[in-house]
């Protein structure tokens, strides 16, 4: 049996917009994205929303539900109290294109600035050899679906637009950490690059990025903190500084 859900959805574009109230049928087992689709089908055919897999693996349907960054396809209606108003807005950190669709190109611009994996000279791809423990250290980070919820919730860029040029955010710093941990990566300035070019020092490890990750990646504890420790070891250890050792 259908129940009436009260949605408050943001409608607008880069010039501005507003929250509008809608009442949409909700059925047992549905997620927020189901109701957004029903709203499109019955009342707002021009409502813009990104989605693809509806299985929590493509990262397309990122939005803010009751002020918290979430994937709409993974947010079950059963988690809300009966009669609760569900407010759906676009990710606040990125410019709005239309309705719930944001321009997330900032993330791809920053991704292109991360130096690529550099294997040892003369070593062919089929000749790579790694210990399983080294594989496991960074395997967790490959679960990332690039939903950019961690980027959205990071207050360094969420609340300070001026930091975007100097700070790449947790998603790209995690990529730097993954490459820095790789035993075959020979890019010589990986740690310095993370510090100087990607703004590692801006991160104050509040763990907000970890809290919203739908893949439950321990971004702060397993990527950002170890990378910070390695950067500090190289930059501030007096003996390493004196002898210029890695």
C-alpha atoms as a PDB file:
ATOM      1  CA  UNK A   1       0.000   0.000   0.000  1.00  0.00           C
ATOM      2  CA  UNK A   2       1.308   3.422  -0.941  1.00  0.00           C
ATOM      3  CA  UNK A   3       2.017   6.118   1.602  1.00  0.00           C
ATOM      4  CA  UNK A   4       2.334   9.804   0.894  1.00  0.00           C
ATOM      5  CA  UNK A   5       5.867  11.110   1.328  1.00  0.00           C
ATOM      6  CA  UNK A   6       6.534  14.822   1.736  1.00  0.00           C
ATOM      7  CA  UNK A   7       9.499  15.871  -0.411  1.00  0.00           C
ATOM      8  CA  UNK A   8      11.029  19.326  -0.422  1.00  0.00           C
ATOM      9  CA  UNK A   9      13.133  19.489  -3.588  1.00  0.00           C
ATOM     10  CA  UNK A  10      15.406  22.249  -4.816  1.00  0.00           C
ATOM     11  CA  UNK A  11      14.511  23.611  -8.258  1.00  0.00           C
ATOM     12  CA  UNK A  12      16.718  26.113 -10.031  1.00  0.00           C
ATOM     13  CA  UNK A  13      19.946  26.739 -11.889  1.00  0.00           C
ATOM     14  CA  UNK A  14      23.147  28.755 -11.606  1.00  0.00           C
ATOM     15  CA  UNK A  15      21.115  31.956 -11.413  1.00  0.00           C
ATOM     16  CA  UNK A  16      19.192  30.841  -8.320  1.00  0.00           C
ATOM     17  CA  UNK A  17      16.276  28.701  -7.268  1.00  0.00           C
ATOM     18  CA  UNK A  18      13.970  27.608  -4.496  1.00  0.00           C
ATOM     19  CA  UNK A  19      12.760  24.643  -2.475  1.00  0.00           C
ATOM     20  CA  UNK A  20       9.336  23.368  -3.543  1.00  0.00           C
ATOM     21  CA  UNK A  21       7.069  20.996  -1.670  1.00  0.00           C
ATOM     22  CA  UNK A  22       5.791  17.825  -3.320  1.00  0.00           C
ATOM     23  CA  UNK A  23       3.745  14.884  -2.116  1.00  0.00           C
ATOM     24  CA  UNK A  24       4.721  11.621  -3.789  1.00  0.00           C
ATOM     25  CA  UNK A  25       3.551   8.037  -3.349  1.00  0.00           C
ATOM     26  CA  UNK A  26       6.063   5.825  -1.556  1.00  0.00           C
ATOM     27  CA  UNK A  27       6.032   2.034  -1.480  1.00  0.00           C
ATOM     28  CA  UNK A  28       7.748  -0.447   0.814  1.00  0.00           C
ATOM     29  CA  UNK A  29      11.403  -1.071  -0.040  1.00  0.00           C
ATOM     30  CA  UNK A  30      11.905   2.080  -2.082  1.00  0.00           C
ATOM     31  CA  UNK A  31      14.789   4.526  -1.969  1.00  0.00           C
ATOM     32  CA  UNK A  32      14.835   8.310  -2.367  1.00  0.00           C
ATOM     33  CA  UNK A  33      15.787   8.020  -6.042  1.00  0.00           C
ATOM     34  CA  UNK A  34      12.600   6.017  -6.693  1.00  0.00           C
ATOM     35  CA  UNK A  35      10.525   8.923  -5.422  1.00  0.00           C
ATOM     36  CA  UNK A  36      12.507  11.443  -7.452  1.00  0.00           C
ATOM     37  CA  UNK A  37      11.804   9.370 -10.572  1.00  0.00           C
ATOM     38  CA  UNK A  38       8.113   9.207  -9.663  1.00  0.00           C
ATOM     39  CA  UNK A  39       8.100  12.969  -9.193  1.00  0.00           C
ATOM     40  CA  UNK A  40       9.557  13.332 -12.692  1.00  0.00           C
ATOM     41  CA  UNK A  41       6.952  10.965 -14.138  1.00  0.00           C
ATOM     42  CA  UNK A  42       3.918  12.519 -12.495  1.00  0.00           C
ATOM     43  CA  UNK A  43       4.552  16.167 -11.769  1.00  0.00           C
ATOM     44  CA  UNK A  44       7.948  17.579 -12.802  1.00  0.00           C
ATOM     45  CA  UNK A  45       9.092  16.097 -16.132  1.00  0.00           C
ATOM     46  CA  UNK A  46      11.810  18.735 -16.447  1.00  0.00           C
ATOM     47  CA  UNK A  47      13.414  17.967 -13.058  1.00  0.00           C
ATOM     48  CA  UNK A  48      17.138  17.407 -13.675  1.00  0.00           C
ATOM     49  CA  UNK A  49      18.850  14.595 -11.770  1.00  0.00           C
ATOM     50  CA  UNK A  50      21.869  12.409 -12.526  1.00  0.00           C
ATOM     51  CA  UNK A  51      21.680   8.644 -12.120  1.00  0.00           C
ATOM     52  CA  UNK A  52      22.874   5.551 -13.894  1.00  0.00           C
ATOM     53  CA  UNK A  53      23.187   2.205 -12.113  1.00  0.00           C
ATOM     54  CA  UNK A  54      20.785   2.670  -9.177  1.00  0.00           C
ATOM     55  CA  UNK A  55      22.967   0.161  -7.322  1.00  0.00           C
ATOM     56  CA  UNK A  56      25.417   2.373  -5.434  1.00  0.00           C
ATOM     57  CA  UNK A  57      28.283   1.725  -7.853  1.00  0.00           C
ATOM     58  CA  UNK A  58      28.313   4.537 -10.407  1.00  0.00           C
ATOM     59  CA  UNK A  59      28.361   7.495  -7.994  1.00  0.00           C
ATOM     60  CA  UNK A  60      26.052   9.551 -10.225  1.00  0.00           C
ATOM     61  CA  UNK A  61      23.084  10.316  -7.966  1.00  0.00           C
ATOM     62  CA  UNK A  62      24.966  12.242  -5.285  1.00  0.00           C
ATOM     63  CA  UNK A  63      22.903  14.894  -3.522  1.00  0.00           C
ATOM     64  CA  UNK A  64      22.215  16.191  -0.030  1.00  0.00           C
ATOM     65  CA  UNK A  65      19.323  14.564   1.779  1.00  0.00           C
ATOM     66  CA  UNK A  66      18.227  16.475   4.868  1.00  0.00           C
ATOM     67  CA  UNK A  67      21.531  18.320   4.679  1.00  0.00           C
ATOM     68  CA  UNK A  68      23.751  15.222   4.578  1.00  0.00           C
ATOM     69  CA  UNK A  69      25.709  14.162   1.461  1.00  0.00           C
ATOM     70  CA  UNK A  70      24.275  10.839   0.267  1.00  0.00           C
ATOM     71  CA  UNK A  71      23.661   8.649  -2.750  1.00  0.00           C
ATOM     72  CA  UNK A  72      19.925   8.870  -3.385  1.00  0.00           C
ATOM     73  CA  UNK A  73      19.851   5.277  -4.646  1.00  0.00           C
ATOM     74  CA  UNK A  74      21.260   4.017  -1.346  1.00  0.00           C
ATOM     75  CA  UNK A  75      19.072   6.098   0.961  1.00  0.00           C
ATOM     76  CA  UNK A  76      16.084   3.959   1.940  1.00  0.00           C
ATOM     77  CA  UNK A  77      12.768   5.578   2.693  1.00  0.00           C
ATOM     78  CA  UNK A  78      12.422   3.294   5.702  1.00  0.00           C
ATOM     79  CA  UNK A  79      15.166   5.280   7.469  1.00  0.00           C
ATOM     80  CA  UNK A  80      12.867   8.309   7.765  1.00  0.00           C
ATOM     81  CA  UNK A  81      10.147   8.749  10.348  1.00  0.00           C
ATOM     82  CA  UNK A  82       6.542   8.557   9.160  1.00  0.00           C
ATOM     83  CA  UNK A  83       5.435  11.999   8.039  1.00  0.00           C
ATOM     84  CA  UNK A  84       8.993  13.386   8.067  1.00  0.00           C
ATOM     85  CA  UNK A  85       9.768  16.023   5.450  1.00  0.00           C
ATOM     86  CA  UNK A  86      12.635  14.882   3.218  1.00  0.00           C
ATOM     87  CA  UNK A  87      14.648  17.783   1.828  1.00  0.00           C
ATOM     88  CA  UNK A  88      16.688  17.059  -1.298  1.00  0.00           C
ATOM     89  CA  UNK A  89      19.215  19.615  -2.518  1.00  0.00           C
ATOM     90  CA  UNK A  90      22.234  19.545  -4.864  1.00  0.00           C
ATOM     91  CA  UNK A  91      25.761  19.149  -3.483  1.00  0.00           C
ATOM     92  CA  UNK A  92      26.637  22.478  -1.937  1.00  0.00           C
ATOM     93  CA  UNK A  93      30.337  22.467  -2.750  1.00  0.00           C
ATOM     94  CA  UNK A  94      29.920  22.493  -6.533  1.00  0.00           C
ATOM     95  CA  UNK A  95      28.198  24.940  -8.907  1.00  0.00           C
ATOM     96  CA  UNK A  96      24.617  24.030  -9.803  1.00  0.00           C
ATOM     97  CA  UNK A  97      23.825  23.377 -13.463  1.00  0.00           C
ATOM     98  CA  UNK A  98      20.116  22.656 -12.995  1.00  0.00           C
ATOM     99  CA  UNK A  99      18.035  21.362 -10.091  1.00  0.00           C
ATOM    100  CA  UNK A 100      19.942  18.440  -8.520  1.00  0.00           C
ATOM    101  CA  UNK A 101      22.725  18.351 -11.150  1.00  0.00           C
ATOM    102  CA  UNK A 102      26.054  19.959 -10.273  1.00  0.00           C
ATOM    103  CA  UNK A 103      29.185  20.774 -12.248  1.00  0.00           C
ATOM    104  CA  UNK A 104      31.789  18.461 -10.692  1.00  0.00           C
ATOM    105  CA  UNK A 105      34.497  19.181 -13.291  1.00  0.00           C
ATOM    106  CA  UNK A 106      36.713  20.613 -10.511  1.00  0.00           C
ATOM    107  CA  UNK A 107      37.434  17.044  -9.449  1.00  0.00           C
ATOM    108  CA  UNK A 108      38.538  15.988 -12.921  1.00  0.00           C
ATOM    109  CA  UNK A 109      40.738  19.061 -13.329  1.00  0.00           C
ATOM    110  CA  UNK A 110      42.486  18.185 -10.062  1.00  0.00           C
ATOM    111  CA  UNK A 111      42.725  14.509 -11.044  1.00  0.00           C
ATOM    112  CA  UNK A 112      44.717  15.448 -14.140  1.00  0.00           C
ATOM    113  CA  UNK A 113      47.197  17.249 -11.895  1.00  0.00           C
ATOM    114  CA  UNK A 114      48.129  14.055 -10.012  1.00  0.00           C
ATOM    115  CA  UNK A 115      51.371  12.678 -11.524  1.00  0.00           C
ATOM    116  CA  UNK A 116      50.822   9.250 -13.044  1.00  0.00           C
ATOM    117  CA  UNK A 117      52.285   6.022 -11.707  1.00  0.00           C
ATOM    118  CA  UNK A 118      55.952   5.803 -12.735  1.00  0.00           C
ATOM    119  CA  UNK A 119      57.339   2.241 -12.776  1.00  0.00           C
ATOM    120  CA  UNK A 120      61.072   1.488 -12.589  1.00  0.00           C
ATOM    121  CA  UNK A 121      62.841   2.170 -15.869  1.00  0.00           C
ATOM    122  CA  UNK A 122      63.063  -0.866 -18.101  1.00  0.00           C
ATOM    123  CA  UNK A 123      60.455  -2.860 -16.155  1.00  0.00           C
ATOM    124  CA  UNK A 124      57.698  -4.166 -18.418  1.00  0.00           C
ATOM    125  CA  UNK A 125      54.091  -4.379 -17.136  1.00  0.00           C
ATOM    126  CA  UNK A 126      54.141  -8.182 -17.061  1.00  0.00           C
ATOM    127  CA  UNK A 127      57.249  -8.093 -14.906  1.00  0.00           C
ATOM    128  CA  UNK A 128      55.712  -6.218 -11.973  1.00  0.00           C
ATOM    129  CA  UNK A 129      56.157  -8.143  -8.723  1.00  0.00           C
ATOM    130  CA  UNK A 130      54.587  -7.090  -5.426  1.00  0.00           C
ATOM    131  CA  UNK A 131      54.039  -8.656  -2.039  1.00  0.00           C
ATOM    132  CA  UNK A 132      50.401  -9.307  -1.150  1.00  0.00           C
ATOM    133  CA  UNK A 133      50.685  -7.016   1.862  1.00  0.00           C
ATOM    134  CA  UNK A 134      51.574  -4.136  -0.487  1.00  0.00           C
ATOM    135  CA  UNK A 135      48.566  -4.934  -2.676  1.00  0.00           C
ATOM    136  CA  UNK A 136      46.238  -4.950   0.329  1.00  0.00           C
ATOM    137  CA  UNK A 137      47.440  -1.576   1.614  1.00  0.00           C
ATOM    138  CA  UNK A 138      46.018   0.301  -1.344  1.00  0.00           C
ATOM    139  CA  UNK A 139      43.341  -2.108  -2.568  1.00  0.00           C
ATOM    140  CA  UNK A 140      40.758  -0.478  -0.312  1.00  0.00           C
ATOM    141  CA  UNK A 141      41.156   2.830  -2.153  1.00  0.00           C
ATOM    142  CA  UNK A 142      40.248   1.197  -5.491  1.00  0.00           C
ATOM    143  CA  UNK A 143      36.699   0.750  -4.166  1.00  0.00           C
ATOM    144  CA  UNK A 144      36.116   4.470  -4.757  1.00  0.00           C
ATOM    145  CA  UNK A 145      33.154   5.088  -7.102  1.00  0.00           C
ATOM    146  CA  UNK A 146      33.933   8.805  -7.466  1.00  0.00           C
ATOM    147  CA  UNK A 147      30.611   9.978  -6.130  1.00  0.00           C
ATOM    148  CA  UNK A 148      32.525  12.989  -4.744  1.00  0.00           C
ATOM    149  CA  UNK A 149      30.542  12.995  -1.505  1.00  0.00           C
ATOM    150  CA  UNK A 150      33.846  13.209   0.373  1.00  0.00           C
ATOM    151  CA  UNK A 151      34.742  16.276  -1.690  1.00  0.00           C
ATOM    152  CA  UNK A 152      31.313  17.752  -1.035  1.00  0.00           C
ATOM    153  CA  UNK A 153      31.484  17.395   2.735  1.00  0.00           C
ATOM    154  CA  UNK A 154      35.100  18.560   3.128  1.00  0.00           C
ATOM    155  CA  UNK A 155      34.756  21.950   4.807  1.00  0.00           C
ATOM    156  CA  UNK A 156      38.099  23.136   3.410  1.00  0.00           C
ATOM    157  CA  UNK A 157      36.453  23.586   0.003  1.00  0.00           C
ATOM    158  CA  UNK A 158      32.783  23.462   1.050  1.00  0.00           C
ATOM    159  CA  UNK A 159      33.076  26.636   3.099  1.00  0.00           C
ATOM    160  CA  UNK A 160      36.028  28.260   1.314  1.00  0.00           C
ATOM    161  CA  UNK A 161      35.718  28.564  -2.448  1.00  0.00           C
ATOM    162  CA  UNK A 162      39.103  30.297  -2.513  1.00  0.00           C
ATOM    163  CA  UNK A 163      40.833  27.072  -1.400  1.00  0.00           C
ATOM    164  CA  UNK A 164      39.869  25.098  -4.488  1.00  0.00           C
ATOM    165  CA  UNK A 165      42.927  26.120  -6.469  1.00  0.00           C
ATOM    166  CA  UNK A 166      45.339  25.046  -3.736  1.00  0.00           C
ATOM    167  CA  UNK A 167      43.522  22.017  -2.300  1.00  0.00           C
ATOM    168  CA  UNK A 168      42.580  18.887  -4.243  1.00  0.00           C
ATOM    169  CA  UNK A 169      40.370  17.368  -1.544  1.00  0.00           C
ATOM    170  CA  UNK A 170      40.246  13.924   0.060  1.00  0.00           C
ATOM    171  CA  UNK A 171      39.455  11.968  -3.129  1.00  0.00           C
ATOM    172  CA  UNK A 172      42.615  13.101  -4.923  1.00  0.00           C
ATOM    173  CA  UNK A 173      44.817  13.040  -1.835  1.00  0.00           C
ATOM    174  CA  UNK A 174      43.714   9.435  -1.403  1.00  0.00           C
ATOM    175  CA  UNK A 175      44.950   8.818  -4.946  1.00  0.00           C
ATOM    176  CA  UNK A 176      48.285  10.408  -4.054  1.00  0.00           C
ATOM    177  CA  UNK A 177      48.468   8.178  -0.961  1.00  0.00           C
ATOM    178  CA  UNK A 178      47.714   5.084  -3.027  1.00  0.00           C
ATOM    179  CA  UNK A 179      50.545   5.863  -5.448  1.00  0.00           C
ATOM    180  CA  UNK A 180      52.944   6.857  -2.676  1.00  0.00           C
ATOM    181  CA  UNK A 181      52.349   3.476  -1.000  1.00  0.00           C
ATOM    182  CA  UNK A 182      53.051   1.577  -4.232  1.00  0.00           C
ATOM    183  CA  UNK A 183      56.461  -0.112  -3.910  1.00  0.00           C
ATOM    184  CA  UNK A 184      57.131   0.214  -7.651  1.00  0.00           C
ATOM    185  CA  UNK A 185      56.247   3.894  -8.009  1.00  0.00           C
ATOM    186  CA  UNK A 186      59.422   5.866  -8.625  1.00  0.00           C
ATOM    187  CA  UNK A 187      58.023   9.350  -9.043  1.00  0.00           C
ATOM    188  CA  UNK A 188      60.620  11.152  -6.884  1.00  0.00           C
ATOM    189  CA  UNK A 189      58.520  14.026  -5.559  1.00  0.00           C
ATOM    190  CA  UNK A 190      55.270  12.240  -4.686  1.00  0.00           C
ATOM    191  CA  UNK A 191      55.226  13.409  -1.055  1.00  0.00           C
ATOM    192  CA  UNK A 192      56.361  16.926  -1.870  1.00  0.00           C
ATOM    193  CA  UNK A 193      53.755  17.086  -4.619  1.00  0.00           C
ATOM    194  CA  UNK A 194      51.005  16.127  -2.164  1.00  0.00           C
ATOM    195  CA  UNK A 195      52.179  18.832   0.191  1.00  0.00           C
ATOM    196  CA  UNK A 196      52.881  21.686  -2.196  1.00  0.00           C
ATOM    197  CA  UNK A 197      50.617  21.089  -5.213  1.00  0.00           C
ATOM    198  CA  UNK A 198      47.613  19.370  -3.641  1.00  0.00           C
ATOM    199  CA  UNK A 199      47.396  21.107  -0.278  1.00  0.00           C
ATOM    200  CA  UNK A 200      47.769  18.157   2.101  1.00  0.00           C
ATOM    201  CA  UNK A 201      48.425  20.609   4.938  1.00  0.00           C
ATOM    202  CA  UNK A 202      44.896  22.020   4.597  1.00  0.00           C
ATOM    203  CA  UNK A 203      43.423  18.719   5.781  1.00  0.00           C
ATOM    204  CA  UNK A 204      42.829  18.755   9.540  1.00  0.00           C
ATOM    205  CA  UNK A 205      41.623  15.130   9.717  1.00  0.00           C
ATOM    206  CA  UNK A 206      38.085  15.754  10.981  1.00  0.00           C
ATOM    207  CA  UNK A 207      37.050  12.453   9.306  1.00  0.00           C
ATOM    208  CA  UNK A 208      33.980  14.028   7.707  1.00  0.00           C
ATOM    209  CA  UNK A 209      35.035  12.497   4.373  1.00  0.00           C
ATOM    210  CA  UNK A 210      35.180   9.019   5.903  1.00  0.00           C
ATOM    211  CA  UNK A 211      31.757   9.469   7.513  1.00  0.00           C
ATOM    212  CA  UNK A 212      29.943  10.017   4.205  1.00  0.00           C
ATOM    213  CA  UNK A 213      31.784   7.452   2.036  1.00  0.00           C
ATOM    214  CA  UNK A 214      29.195   4.965   0.691  1.00  0.00           C
ATOM    215  CA  UNK A 215      31.947   2.382   0.161  1.00  0.00           C
ATOM    216  CA  UNK A 216      33.074   2.726   3.796  1.00  0.00           C
ATOM    217  CA  UNK A 217      36.658   3.521   2.782  1.00  0.00           C
ATOM    218  CA  UNK A 218      38.689   4.666   5.755  1.00  0.00           C
ATOM    219  CA  UNK A 219      39.939   7.705   3.853  1.00  0.00           C
ATOM    220  CA  UNK A 220      41.309   9.571   6.854  1.00  0.00           C
ATOM    221  CA  UNK A 221      42.862   6.748   8.864  1.00  0.00           C
ATOM    222  CA  UNK A 222      44.253   4.626   6.029  1.00  0.00           C
ATOM    223  CA  UNK A 223      45.173   7.246   3.422  1.00  0.00           C
ATOM    224  CA  UNK A 224      45.407  10.833   4.649  1.00  0.00           C
ATOM    225  CA  UNK A 225      47.003  10.311   8.058  1.00  0.00           C
ATOM    226  CA  UNK A 226      49.694   7.875   6.759  1.00  0.00           C
ATOM    227  CA  UNK A 227      50.450  10.295   3.921  1.00  0.00           C
ATOM    228  CA  UNK A 228      50.718  13.195   6.369  1.00  0.00           C
ATOM    229  CA  UNK A 229      53.096  11.146   8.521  1.00  0.00           C
ATOM    230  CA  UNK A 230      55.344  10.368   5.561  1.00  0.00           C
ATOM    231  CA  UNK A 231      55.380  13.991   4.446  1.00  0.00           C
ATOM    232  CA  UNK A 232      56.238  15.147   7.973  1.00  0.00           C
ATOM    233  CA  UNK A 233      58.938  12.475   8.234  1.00  0.00           C
ATOM    234  CA  UNK A 234      60.601  13.687   5.064  1.00  0.00           C
ATOM    235  CA  UNK A 235      60.096  17.416   5.567  1.00  0.00           C
ATOM    236  CA  UNK A 236      60.687  17.859   9.274  1.00  0.00           C
ATOM    237  CA  UNK A 237      62.846  15.002  10.544  1.00  0.00           C
ATOM    238  CA  UNK A 238      66.202  16.761  11.202  1.00  0.00           C
ATOM    239  CA  UNK A 239      68.368  13.788  10.204  1.00  0.00           C
ATOM    240  CA  UNK A 240      66.461  13.142   6.975  1.00  0.00           C
ATOM    241  CA  UNK A 241      66.569  16.830   6.179  1.00  0.00           C
ATOM    242  CA  UNK A 242      70.307  16.953   6.869  1.00  0.00           C
ATOM    243  CA  UNK A 243      71.218  13.987   4.695  1.00  0.00           C
ATOM    244  CA  UNK A 244      68.457  14.493   2.094  1.00  0.00           C
ATOM    245  CA  UNK A 245      67.348  10.875   2.284  1.00  0.00           C
ATOM    246  CA  UNK A 246      63.967   9.447   1.322  1.00  0.00           C
END
